[in-house]
Amino acid sequence: MSSDTDISLSSYDEDQGSKLIRKAREAPFVPIGMAGFAAIVAYGLCRLKSRGNTEMSVHLIRKRVAAQGLVVGAMTLGLGYSLYQGFWAKPKL
């Protein structure tokens, strides 16, 4: 039995902050989607008391749909960006 000690474990050595920064550079629209989701949730919680005559379930469903739409939109933009980077913006050799 031989053990391979040459395996690089650099991904395990990075802390959470540097991992988040690296992932944000790889896919820039993911943090935008996360921030938008958090903003919609915070807005929904602030508007919870002044929702008027609408019922609680309707209010929560509207905020959930808005948050999901923002996340799906950010994912779609991120996919389009990665496709652009991968196929059309390749540097010419």
N, C-alpha and C. Protein backbone atom coordinates (compact mmCIF):
# COMPACT_ATOMS: atom_id res chain seq x y z
N MET A 1 0.83 -1.18 0.00
CA MET A 1 0.00 0.00 0.00
C MET A 1 0.88 1.25 0.00
N SER A 2 0.69 2.04 -0.98
CA SER A 2 1.47 3.27 -1.04
C SER A 2 0.52 4.45 -0.88
N SER A 3 0.99 5.44 -0.19
CA SER A 3 0.17 6.63 0.01
C SER A 3 0.77 7.77 -0.79
N ASP A 4 -0.08 8.51 -1.45
CA ASP A 4 0.36 9.63 -2.28
C ASP A 4 0.32 10.88 -1.43
N THR A 5 1.47 11.37 -1.04
CA THR A 5 1.54 12.56 -0.20
C THR A 5 1.73 13.83 -0.99
N ASP A 6 1.75 13.73 -2.32
CA ASP A 6 1.95 14.91 -3.17
C ASP A 6 0.65 15.61 -3.53
N ILE A 7 -0.44 15.19 -2.95
CA ILE A 7 -1.73 15.80 -3.25
C ILE A 7 -1.77 17.20 -2.66
N SER A 8 -2.13 18.16 -3.47
CA SER A 8 -2.21 19.54 -3.02
C SER A 8 -3.53 19.77 -2.31
N LEU A 9 -3.46 20.25 -1.09
CA LEU A 9 -4.66 20.54 -0.31
C LEU A 9 -4.83 22.04 -0.13
N SER A 10 -4.48 22.83 -1.15
CA SER A 10 -4.55 24.28 -1.03
C SER A 10 -5.97 24.77 -0.88
N SER A 11 -6.95 24.05 -1.44
CA SER A 11 -8.33 24.50 -1.29
C SER A 11 -8.82 24.32 0.13
N TYR A 12 -8.21 23.42 0.88
CA TYR A 12 -8.60 23.23 2.27
C TYR A 12 -7.92 24.23 3.19
N ASP A 13 -6.85 24.85 2.72
CA ASP A 13 -6.10 25.78 3.54
C ASP A 13 -6.67 27.19 3.54
N GLU A 14 -7.50 27.54 2.57
CA GLU A 14 -8.01 28.91 2.51
C GLU A 14 -9.17 29.11 3.48
N ASP A 15 -9.26 30.31 4.02
CA ASP A 15 -10.34 30.60 4.95
C ASP A 15 -11.60 30.99 4.19
N GLN A 16 -12.68 31.22 4.92
CA GLN A 16 -13.97 31.48 4.29
C GLN A 16 -13.98 32.78 3.49
N GLY A 17 -13.30 33.80 3.99
CA GLY A 17 -13.28 35.08 3.28
C GLY A 17 -12.58 34.99 1.93
N SER A 18 -11.43 34.34 1.90
CA SER A 18 -10.72 34.23 0.63
C SER A 18 -11.44 33.28 -0.33
N LYS A 19 -12.11 32.28 0.21
CA LYS A 19 -12.88 31.38 -0.65
C LYS A 19 -14.05 32.12 -1.29
N LEU A 20 -14.73 32.98 -0.51
CA LEU A 20 -15.84 33.76 -1.04
C LEU A 20 -15.36 34.73 -2.11
N ILE A 21 -14.22 35.36 -1.88
CA ILE A 21 -13.67 36.29 -2.87
C ILE A 21 -13.29 35.56 -4.15
N ARG A 22 -12.69 34.38 -4.02
CA ARG A 22 -12.31 33.60 -5.20
C ARG A 22 -13.54 33.17 -5.98
N LYS A 23 -14.57 32.71 -5.28
CA LYS A 23 -15.80 32.28 -5.95
C LYS A 23 -16.50 33.47 -6.61
N ALA A 24 -16.45 34.64 -5.97
CA ALA A 24 -17.07 35.84 -6.54
C ALA A 24 -16.36 36.28 -7.82
N ARG A 25 -15.07 36.07 -7.89
CA ARG A 25 -14.34 36.41 -9.11
C ARG A 25 -14.66 35.42 -10.23
N GLU A 26 -14.88 34.15 -9.87
CA GLU A 26 -15.20 33.15 -10.88
C GLU A 26 -16.61 33.33 -11.43
N ALA A 27 -17.56 33.66 -10.56
CA ALA A 27 -18.96 33.84 -10.96
C ALA A 27 -19.49 35.12 -10.31
N PRO A 28 -19.33 36.27 -10.96
CA PRO A 28 -19.64 37.55 -10.31
C PRO A 28 -21.13 37.78 -10.06
N PHE A 29 -22.02 37.06 -10.72
CA PHE A 29 -23.44 37.31 -10.53
C PHE A 29 -24.03 36.56 -9.34
N VAL A 30 -23.31 35.59 -8.80
CA VAL A 30 -23.81 34.86 -7.63
C VAL A 30 -23.90 35.77 -6.41
N PRO A 31 -22.86 36.55 -6.07
CA PRO A 31 -23.00 37.46 -4.94
C PRO A 31 -24.06 38.54 -5.17
N ILE A 32 -24.24 38.94 -6.42
CA ILE A 32 -25.29 39.92 -6.73
C ILE A 32 -26.66 39.32 -6.45
N GLY A 33 -26.87 38.07 -6.84
CA GLY A 33 -28.13 37.39 -6.56
C GLY A 33 -28.35 37.19 -5.08
N MET A 34 -27.29 36.85 -4.35
CA MET A 34 -27.41 36.67 -2.91
C MET A 34 -27.75 37.99 -2.21
N ALA A 35 -27.10 39.07 -2.63
CA ALA A 35 -27.36 40.37 -2.03
C ALA A 35 -28.78 40.84 -2.36
N GLY A 36 -29.22 40.61 -3.58
CA GLY A 36 -30.58 40.98 -3.95
C GLY A 36 -31.62 40.20 -3.18
N PHE A 37 -31.36 38.91 -3.00
CA PHE A 37 -32.27 38.08 -2.21
C PHE A 37 -32.36 38.61 -0.78
N ALA A 38 -31.21 38.91 -0.18
CA ALA A 38 -31.21 39.44 1.18
C ALA A 38 -31.92 40.79 1.26
N ALA A 39 -31.75 41.62 0.24
CA ALA A 39 -32.41 42.93 0.23
C ALA A 39 -33.93 42.79 0.14
N ILE A 40 -34.41 41.86 -0.69
CA ILE A 40 -35.85 41.66 -0.82
C ILE A 40 -36.43 41.10 0.46
N VAL A 41 -35.71 40.19 1.10
CA VAL A 41 -36.19 39.63 2.37
C VAL A 41 -36.24 40.72 3.44
N ALA A 42 -35.21 41.56 3.50
CA ALA A 42 -35.20 42.65 4.48
C ALA A 42 -36.32 43.65 4.20
N TYR A 43 -36.54 43.97 2.93
CA TYR A 43 -37.63 44.88 2.57
C TYR A 43 -38.99 44.28 2.95
N GLY A 44 -39.16 43.00 2.70
CA GLY A 44 -40.41 42.34 3.04
C GLY A 44 -40.67 42.33 4.53
N LEU A 45 -39.61 42.14 5.32
CA LEU A 45 -39.77 42.16 6.77
C LEU A 45 -40.09 43.56 7.28
N CYS A 46 -39.50 44.58 6.65
CA CYS A 46 -39.80 45.96 7.07
C CYS A 46 -41.23 46.35 6.71
N ARG A 47 -41.71 45.88 5.58
CA ARG A 47 -43.06 46.22 5.12
C ARG A 47 -44.15 45.31 5.69
N LEU A 48 -43.76 44.39 6.53
CA LEU A 48 -44.70 43.41 7.04
C LEU A 48 -45.82 44.05 7.86
N LYS A 49 -45.50 45.03 8.67
CA LYS A 49 -46.53 45.66 9.51
C LYS A 49 -47.42 46.62 8.73
N SER A 50 -46.90 47.20 7.68
CA SER A 50 -47.70 48.18 6.93
C SER A 50 -48.16 47.61 5.60
N ARG A 51 -48.62 46.38 5.61
CA ARG A 51 -49.03 45.73 4.36
C ARG A 51 -50.46 46.06 3.96
N GLY A 52 -51.20 46.75 4.80
CA GLY A 52 -52.57 47.15 4.46
C GLY A 52 -53.55 46.01 4.65
N ASN A 53 -54.45 45.85 3.68
CA ASN A 53 -55.50 44.84 3.80
C ASN A 53 -55.10 43.48 3.26
N THR A 54 -53.90 43.36 2.70
CA THR A 54 -53.50 42.07 2.14
C THR A 54 -53.22 41.08 3.26
N GLU A 55 -53.53 39.83 2.99
CA GLU A 55 -53.29 38.80 3.99
C GLU A 55 -51.81 38.46 4.07
N MET A 56 -51.45 37.85 5.17
CA MET A 56 -50.04 37.50 5.41
C MET A 56 -49.52 36.54 4.33
N SER A 57 -50.29 35.55 3.98
CA SER A 57 -49.81 34.56 3.00
C SER A 57 -49.59 35.19 1.63
N VAL A 58 -50.46 36.10 1.23
CA VAL A 58 -50.30 36.77 -0.06
C VAL A 58 -49.06 37.64 -0.05
N HIS A 59 -48.85 38.33 1.06
CA HIS A 59 -47.67 39.18 1.19
C HIS A 59 -46.39 38.34 1.09
N LEU A 60 -46.35 37.22 1.80
CA LEU A 60 -45.16 36.38 1.79
C LEU A 60 -44.93 35.73 0.43
N ILE A 61 -46.01 35.35 -0.25
CA ILE A 61 -45.87 34.74 -1.57
C ILE A 61 -45.31 35.75 -2.56
N ARG A 62 -45.77 36.98 -2.49
CA ARG A 62 -45.26 38.01 -3.41
C ARG A 62 -43.77 38.27 -3.18
N LYS A 63 -43.36 38.33 -1.94
CA LYS A 63 -41.93 38.56 -1.65
C LYS A 63 -41.09 37.36 -2.05
N ARG A 64 -41.62 36.15 -1.85
CA ARG A 64 -40.88 34.96 -2.25
C ARG A 64 -40.70 34.91 -3.75
N VAL A 65 -41.75 35.23 -4.50
CA VAL A 65 -41.67 35.22 -5.96
C VAL A 65 -40.68 36.28 -6.44
N ALA A 66 -40.69 37.45 -5.82
CA ALA A 66 -39.74 38.50 -6.20
C ALA A 66 -38.31 38.07 -5.92
N ALA A 67 -38.07 37.46 -4.78
CA ALA A 67 -36.72 37.01 -4.44
C ALA A 67 -36.26 35.89 -5.36
N GLN A 68 -37.13 34.96 -5.65
CA GLN A 68 -36.77 33.87 -6.56
C GLN A 68 -36.52 34.39 -7.97
N GLY A 69 -37.31 35.34 -8.40
CA GLY A 69 -37.10 35.92 -9.72
C GLY A 69 -35.77 36.62 -9.83
N LEU A 70 -35.38 37.32 -8.78
CA LEU A 70 -34.10 38.01 -8.79
C LEU A 70 -32.95 37.01 -8.83
N VAL A 71 -33.05 35.94 -8.07
CA VAL A 71 -31.98 34.93 -8.04
C VAL A 71 -31.89 34.21 -9.39
N VAL A 72 -33.02 33.85 -9.96
CA VAL A 72 -33.01 33.18 -11.27
C VAL A 72 -32.48 34.12 -12.34
N GLY A 73 -32.84 35.39 -12.27
CA GLY A 73 -32.30 36.38 -13.22
C GLY A 73 -30.79 36.52 -13.09
N ALA A 74 -30.29 36.55 -11.86
CA ALA A 74 -28.85 36.65 -11.65
C ALA A 74 -28.14 35.40 -12.16
N MET A 75 -28.75 34.24 -11.96
CA MET A 75 -28.15 33.00 -12.46
C MET A 75 -28.13 32.99 -13.99
N THR A 76 -29.19 33.49 -14.61
CA THR A 76 -29.25 33.55 -16.07
C THR A 76 -28.20 34.50 -16.62
N LEU A 77 -28.07 35.66 -15.99
CA LEU A 77 -27.04 36.60 -16.42
C LEU A 77 -25.65 36.02 -16.23
N GLY A 78 -25.44 35.30 -15.14
CA GLY A 78 -24.15 34.65 -14.90
C GLY A 78 -23.85 33.59 -15.93
N LEU A 79 -24.85 32.82 -16.33
CA LEU A 79 -24.66 31.82 -17.36
C LEU A 79 -24.33 32.47 -18.70
N GLY A 80 -25.04 33.53 -19.03
CA GLY A 80 -24.74 34.26 -20.27
C GLY A 80 -23.34 34.85 -20.25
N TYR A 81 -22.93 35.37 -19.11
CA TYR A 81 -21.58 35.93 -18.97
C TYR A 81 -20.52 34.86 -19.14
N SER A 82 -20.73 33.69 -18.52
CA SER A 82 -19.74 32.62 -18.65
C SER A 82 -19.70 32.07 -20.07
N LEU A 83 -20.86 32.01 -20.74
CA LEU A 83 -20.86 31.58 -22.14
C LEU A 83 -20.11 32.59 -23.02
N TYR A 84 -20.33 33.86 -22.75
CA TYR A 84 -19.62 34.90 -23.50
C TYR A 84 -18.12 34.78 -23.29
N GLN A 85 -17.70 34.62 -22.04
CA GLN A 85 -16.28 34.50 -21.74
C GLN A 85 -15.68 33.23 -22.34
N GLY A 86 -16.46 32.16 -22.38
CA GLY A 86 -15.93 30.90 -22.87
C GLY A 86 -15.86 30.77 -24.38
N PHE A 87 -16.79 31.39 -25.09
CA PHE A 87 -16.88 31.17 -26.54
C PHE A 87 -16.54 32.39 -27.38
N TRP A 88 -16.99 33.56 -26.99
CA TRP A 88 -16.81 34.72 -27.86
C TRP A 88 -15.67 35.62 -27.45
N ALA A 89 -15.31 35.65 -26.22
CA ALA A 89 -14.26 36.57 -25.77
C ALA A 89 -12.93 35.85 -25.59
N LYS A 90 -12.72 34.73 -26.26
CA LYS A 90 -11.46 34.04 -26.15
C LYS A 90 -10.35 34.88 -26.79
N PRO A 91 -9.23 34.92 -26.14
CA PRO A 91 -8.11 35.66 -26.76
C PRO A 91 -7.60 34.89 -27.98
N LYS A 92 -7.31 35.63 -29.00
CA LYS A 92 -6.83 35.01 -30.24
C LYS A 92 -5.34 34.67 -30.08
N LEU A 93 -5.01 33.46 -30.44
CA LEU A 93 -3.62 33.00 -30.29
C LEU A 93 -2.79 33.32 -31.47
